[in-house]
Amino acid sequence: MNALTRNEREAVARTVLELAVNNHPGVMSHVVGLFSRRAYNVEGILVMPVGDGATSRIWLQVNEDERLDQMVKQIEKLEDVLTVRRHGAEHEVFVRLEEFFR
């Protein structure tokens, strides 16, 4: 359980990373494994197939800190990651989910 209060969580600067990836078993494991090995917490994950299902889109909500730029560079090196885009914390995908679960 997260020990931060709601106000403390809102004070932490967050970013949403949007990844386009090849869709096959093990891709999500490679992406989150990268974060896990570097002890970098992922606050939220959403994954959906795109088009015919050959690719998927992964949205990761993460905290902003000095390691994030390096994490993005490492993600871009993964074989099945096609693109990485960075969005602000106000990205619609997580804002709508938070509203839904309130």
N, C-alpha and C. Protein backbone atom coordinates (compact mmCIF):
# COMPACT_ATOMS: atom_id res chain seq x y z
N MET A 1 0.84 -1.18 0.00
CA MET A 1 0.00 0.00 0.00
C MET A 1 0.88 1.24 0.00
N ASN A 2 0.48 2.23 -0.75
CA ASN A 2 1.24 3.46 -0.87
C ASN A 2 1.05 4.29 0.40
N ALA A 3 2.15 4.68 1.05
CA ALA A 3 2.08 5.40 2.31
C ALA A 3 1.81 6.89 2.13
N LEU A 4 1.82 7.40 0.92
CA LEU A 4 1.57 8.82 0.69
C LEU A 4 0.08 9.12 0.79
N THR A 5 -0.24 10.29 1.35
CA THR A 5 -1.63 10.73 1.36
C THR A 5 -2.01 11.20 -0.03
N ARG A 6 -3.29 11.41 -0.25
CA ARG A 6 -3.74 11.85 -1.57
C ARG A 6 -3.10 13.18 -1.95
N ASN A 7 -3.01 14.13 -1.01
CA ASN A 7 -2.40 15.43 -1.29
C ASN A 7 -0.92 15.28 -1.65
N GLU A 8 -0.22 14.38 -0.96
CA GLU A 8 1.19 14.16 -1.26
C GLU A 8 1.36 13.54 -2.64
N ARG A 9 0.47 12.61 -3.01
CA ARG A 9 0.55 11.99 -4.33
C ARG A 9 0.30 13.02 -5.41
N GLU A 10 -0.65 13.95 -5.19
CA GLU A 10 -0.94 14.97 -6.18
C GLU A 10 0.21 15.96 -6.33
N ALA A 11 1.01 16.13 -5.27
CA ALA A 11 2.14 17.06 -5.31
C ALA A 11 3.31 16.51 -6.12
N VAL A 12 3.38 15.19 -6.29
CA VAL A 12 4.46 14.57 -7.05
C VAL A 12 4.21 14.81 -8.54
N ALA A 13 5.20 15.34 -9.23
CA ALA A 13 5.05 15.58 -10.67
C ALA A 13 5.03 14.25 -11.40
N ARG A 14 4.05 14.09 -12.25
CA ARG A 14 3.91 12.84 -13.00
C ARG A 14 3.99 13.10 -14.49
N THR A 15 4.31 12.05 -15.21
CA THR A 15 4.41 12.07 -16.65
C THR A 15 3.75 10.80 -17.18
N VAL A 16 3.20 10.90 -18.38
CA VAL A 16 2.66 9.73 -19.04
C VAL A 16 3.54 9.42 -20.25
N LEU A 17 4.03 8.18 -20.29
CA LEU A 17 4.79 7.71 -21.44
C LEU A 17 3.86 6.87 -22.30
N GLU A 18 3.81 7.15 -23.58
CA GLU A 18 2.97 6.40 -24.52
C GLU A 18 3.90 5.63 -25.46
N LEU A 19 3.81 4.32 -25.40
CA LEU A 19 4.67 3.46 -26.20
C LEU A 19 3.85 2.74 -27.26
N ALA A 20 4.31 2.73 -28.48
CA ALA A 20 3.76 1.86 -29.52
C ALA A 20 4.70 0.66 -29.58
N VAL A 21 4.13 -0.53 -29.47
CA VAL A 21 4.95 -1.74 -29.39
C VAL A 21 4.39 -2.83 -30.30
N ASN A 22 5.24 -3.77 -30.70
CA ASN A 22 4.77 -4.97 -31.37
C ASN A 22 3.98 -5.78 -30.36
N ASN A 23 2.86 -6.33 -30.79
CA ASN A 23 1.97 -7.04 -29.88
C ASN A 23 2.22 -8.54 -29.95
N HIS A 24 2.95 -9.05 -28.97
CA HIS A 24 3.12 -10.50 -28.83
C HIS A 24 3.48 -10.80 -27.38
N PRO A 25 3.33 -12.05 -26.95
CA PRO A 25 3.61 -12.39 -25.56
C PRO A 25 5.02 -12.00 -25.14
N GLY A 26 5.13 -11.40 -23.97
CA GLY A 26 6.42 -11.05 -23.40
C GLY A 26 6.81 -9.60 -23.53
N VAL A 27 6.13 -8.84 -24.39
CA VAL A 27 6.52 -7.44 -24.60
C VAL A 27 6.30 -6.63 -23.32
N MET A 28 5.13 -6.78 -22.70
CA MET A 28 4.85 -6.04 -21.47
C MET A 28 5.87 -6.41 -20.38
N SER A 29 6.21 -7.67 -20.31
CA SER A 29 7.21 -8.12 -19.33
C SER A 29 8.55 -7.44 -19.54
N HIS A 30 8.96 -7.28 -20.80
CA HIS A 30 10.23 -6.60 -21.09
C HIS A 30 10.18 -5.13 -20.67
N VAL A 31 9.07 -4.48 -20.96
CA VAL A 31 8.94 -3.06 -20.64
C VAL A 31 8.93 -2.84 -19.13
N VAL A 32 8.05 -3.53 -18.42
CA VAL A 32 7.98 -3.31 -16.97
C VAL A 32 9.20 -3.88 -16.25
N GLY A 33 9.81 -4.92 -16.84
CA GLY A 33 11.04 -5.46 -16.26
C GLY A 33 12.16 -4.44 -16.24
N LEU A 34 12.21 -3.62 -17.28
CA LEU A 34 13.21 -2.55 -17.35
C LEU A 34 13.04 -1.59 -16.16
N PHE A 35 11.80 -1.22 -15.89
CA PHE A 35 11.53 -0.33 -14.76
C PHE A 35 11.86 -1.03 -13.44
N SER A 36 11.46 -2.27 -13.33
CA SER A 36 11.68 -3.03 -12.10
C SER A 36 13.17 -3.17 -11.78
N ARG A 37 13.96 -3.53 -12.78
CA ARG A 37 15.41 -3.71 -12.56
C ARG A 37 16.09 -2.44 -12.09
N ARG A 38 15.53 -1.30 -12.45
CA ARG A 38 16.12 -0.02 -12.06
C ARG A 38 15.40 0.62 -10.88
N ALA A 39 14.54 -0.16 -10.23
CA ALA A 39 13.79 0.28 -9.05
C ALA A 39 13.05 1.59 -9.32
N TYR A 40 12.42 1.67 -10.49
CA TYR A 40 11.67 2.86 -10.90
C TYR A 40 10.19 2.48 -10.88
N ASN A 41 9.41 3.11 -10.02
CA ASN A 41 8.02 2.74 -9.83
C ASN A 41 7.13 3.24 -10.97
N VAL A 42 6.24 2.37 -11.40
CA VAL A 42 5.21 2.72 -12.37
C VAL A 42 3.92 2.89 -11.60
N GLU A 43 3.31 4.07 -11.69
CA GLU A 43 2.09 4.38 -10.94
C GLU A 43 0.83 3.85 -11.62
N GLY A 44 0.85 3.75 -12.96
CA GLY A 44 -0.32 3.27 -13.68
C GLY A 44 0.07 2.70 -15.02
N ILE A 45 -0.67 1.67 -15.46
CA ILE A 45 -0.42 1.03 -16.74
C ILE A 45 -1.75 0.79 -17.43
N LEU A 46 -1.79 1.11 -18.71
CA LEU A 46 -2.94 0.80 -19.54
C LEU A 46 -2.41 0.31 -20.87
N VAL A 47 -2.97 -0.81 -21.37
CA VAL A 47 -2.52 -1.39 -22.64
C VAL A 47 -3.74 -1.73 -23.48
N MET A 48 -3.69 -1.38 -24.75
CA MET A 48 -4.77 -1.69 -25.69
C MET A 48 -4.16 -2.06 -27.04
N PRO A 49 -4.74 -3.08 -27.71
CA PRO A 49 -4.30 -3.38 -29.08
C PRO A 49 -4.73 -2.27 -30.03
N VAL A 50 -3.99 -2.12 -31.11
CA VAL A 50 -4.28 -1.09 -32.11
C VAL A 50 -4.58 -1.79 -33.44
N GLY A 51 -5.59 -1.29 -34.14
CA GLY A 51 -5.92 -1.81 -35.47
C GLY A 51 -6.17 -3.29 -35.50
N ASP A 52 -5.40 -4.01 -36.30
CA ASP A 52 -5.59 -5.45 -36.45
C ASP A 52 -4.96 -6.26 -35.33
N GLY A 53 -4.37 -5.59 -34.33
CA GLY A 53 -3.78 -6.28 -33.18
C GLY A 53 -2.31 -6.61 -33.34
N ALA A 54 -1.70 -6.23 -34.45
CA ALA A 54 -0.27 -6.49 -34.64
C ALA A 54 0.58 -5.61 -33.73
N THR A 55 0.04 -4.45 -33.36
CA THR A 55 0.72 -3.55 -32.43
C THR A 55 -0.21 -3.21 -31.28
N SER A 56 0.37 -2.73 -30.22
CA SER A 56 -0.39 -2.27 -29.06
C SER A 56 0.13 -0.93 -28.62
N ARG A 57 -0.67 -0.24 -27.84
CA ARG A 57 -0.26 1.02 -27.24
C ARG A 57 -0.20 0.79 -25.73
N ILE A 58 0.89 1.19 -25.12
CA ILE A 58 1.07 1.10 -23.68
C ILE A 58 1.22 2.50 -23.13
N TRP A 59 0.40 2.84 -22.14
CA TRP A 59 0.53 4.11 -21.44
C TRP A 59 1.04 3.81 -20.04
N LEU A 60 2.12 4.44 -19.66
CA LEU A 60 2.71 4.28 -18.34
C LEU A 60 2.68 5.62 -17.62
N GLN A 61 2.08 5.64 -16.45
CA GLN A 61 2.09 6.85 -15.63
C GLN A 61 3.24 6.69 -14.63
N VAL A 62 4.20 7.59 -14.70
CA VAL A 62 5.39 7.50 -13.86
C VAL A 62 5.67 8.85 -13.20
N ASN A 63 6.45 8.82 -12.14
CA ASN A 63 6.85 10.05 -11.46
C ASN A 63 8.00 10.68 -12.23
N GLU A 64 7.97 12.00 -12.29
CA GLU A 64 9.08 12.76 -12.91
C GLU A 64 10.24 12.79 -11.93
N ASP A 65 11.40 12.40 -12.36
CA ASP A 65 12.61 12.63 -11.59
C ASP A 65 13.81 12.64 -12.52
N GLU A 66 14.97 12.80 -11.96
CA GLU A 66 16.17 12.98 -12.79
C GLU A 66 16.52 11.73 -13.60
N ARG A 67 15.97 10.57 -13.25
CA ARG A 67 16.28 9.34 -13.98
C ARG A 67 15.38 9.11 -15.18
N LEU A 68 14.31 9.88 -15.32
CA LEU A 68 13.32 9.59 -16.35
C LEU A 68 13.89 9.67 -17.76
N ASP A 69 14.70 10.66 -18.06
CA ASP A 69 15.29 10.77 -19.40
C ASP A 69 16.08 9.51 -19.75
N GLN A 70 16.84 9.00 -18.81
CA GLN A 70 17.62 7.77 -19.04
C GLN A 70 16.69 6.58 -19.23
N MET A 71 15.60 6.53 -18.47
CA MET A 71 14.64 5.44 -18.62
C MET A 71 14.04 5.44 -20.03
N VAL A 72 13.70 6.62 -20.53
CA VAL A 72 13.13 6.72 -21.88
C VAL A 72 14.13 6.22 -22.91
N LYS A 73 15.39 6.59 -22.76
CA LYS A 73 16.42 6.12 -23.69
C LYS A 73 16.54 4.60 -23.67
N GLN A 74 16.44 4.02 -22.48
CA GLN A 74 16.53 2.56 -22.36
C GLN A 74 15.31 1.89 -22.98
N ILE A 75 14.12 2.46 -22.79
CA ILE A 75 12.90 1.91 -23.38
C ILE A 75 13.01 1.91 -24.90
N GLU A 76 13.51 3.01 -25.45
CA GLU A 76 13.64 3.12 -26.91
C GLU A 76 14.56 2.05 -27.50
N LYS A 77 15.46 1.50 -26.71
CA LYS A 77 16.38 0.48 -27.18
C LYS A 77 15.76 -0.92 -27.22
N LEU A 78 14.62 -1.11 -26.55
CA LEU A 78 13.98 -2.42 -26.55
C LEU A 78 13.52 -2.77 -27.96
N GLU A 79 13.75 -3.99 -28.37
CA GLU A 79 13.50 -4.43 -29.73
C GLU A 79 12.06 -4.22 -30.19
N ASP A 80 11.10 -4.49 -29.34
CA ASP A 80 9.69 -4.42 -29.75
C ASP A 80 9.05 -3.05 -29.55
N VAL A 81 9.79 -2.09 -29.04
CA VAL A 81 9.25 -0.74 -28.87
C VAL A 81 9.46 0.03 -30.17
N LEU A 82 8.36 0.49 -30.75
CA LEU A 82 8.42 1.20 -32.03
C LEU A 82 8.60 2.70 -31.84
N THR A 83 7.84 3.28 -30.91
CA THR A 83 7.96 4.71 -30.60
C THR A 83 7.68 4.95 -29.13
N VAL A 84 8.22 6.06 -28.62
CA VAL A 84 7.94 6.50 -27.26
C VAL A 84 7.59 7.98 -27.32
N ARG A 85 6.45 8.34 -26.75
CA ARG A 85 6.04 9.75 -26.66
C ARG A 85 5.82 10.09 -25.20
N ARG A 86 6.18 11.29 -24.85
CA ARG A 86 6.05 11.76 -23.48
C ARG A 86 4.94 12.79 -23.41
N HIS A 87 4.04 12.64 -22.43
CA HIS A 87 2.92 13.55 -22.24
C HIS A 87 2.94 14.07 -20.80
N GLY A 88 2.25 15.16 -20.58
CA GLY A 88 2.09 15.69 -19.23
C GLY A 88 1.15 14.81 -18.42
N ALA A 89 1.11 15.06 -17.12
CA ALA A 89 0.28 14.28 -16.21
C ALA A 89 -1.20 14.43 -16.53
N GLU A 90 -1.58 15.49 -17.25
CA GLU A 90 -2.98 15.73 -17.56
C GLU A 90 -3.44 14.91 -18.75
N HIS A 91 -2.63 13.98 -19.23
CA HIS A 91 -3.00 13.19 -20.40
C HIS A 91 -4.36 12.53 -20.16
N GLU A 92 -5.20 12.66 -21.14
CA GLU A 92 -6.59 12.25 -21.07
C GLU A 92 -6.80 10.80 -20.61
N VAL A 93 -5.94 9.89 -20.99
CA VAL A 93 -6.16 8.49 -20.71
C VAL A 93 -6.22 8.21 -19.20
N PHE A 94 -5.33 8.81 -18.42
CA PHE A 94 -5.35 8.57 -16.98
C PHE A 94 -6.32 9.50 -16.25
N VAL A 95 -6.53 10.70 -16.76
CA VAL A 95 -7.49 11.61 -16.15
C VAL A 95 -8.88 10.98 -16.17
N ARG A 96 -9.26 10.42 -17.30
CA ARG A 96 -10.58 9.78 -17.41
C ARG A 96 -10.69 8.56 -16.51
N LEU A 97 -9.64 7.78 -16.42
CA LEU A 97 -9.67 6.61 -15.53
C LEU A 97 -9.82 7.03 -14.08
N GLU A 98 -9.10 8.06 -13.67
CA GLU A 98 -9.20 8.54 -12.30
C GLU A 98 -10.61 9.04 -12.00
N GLU A 99 -11.22 9.72 -12.96
CA GLU A 99 -12.59 10.20 -12.79
C GLU A 99 -13.56 9.02 -12.66
N PHE A 100 -13.34 7.99 -13.45
CA PHE A 100 -14.21 6.82 -13.44
C PHE A 100 -14.17 6.12 -12.08
N PHE A 101 -13.01 6.04 -11.46
CA PHE A 101 -12.86 5.30 -10.21
C PHE A 101 -13.11 6.12 -8.97
N ARG A 102 -13.45 7.39 -9.11
CA ARG A 102 -13.78 8.21 -7.92
C ARG A 102 -15.14 7.90 -7.43
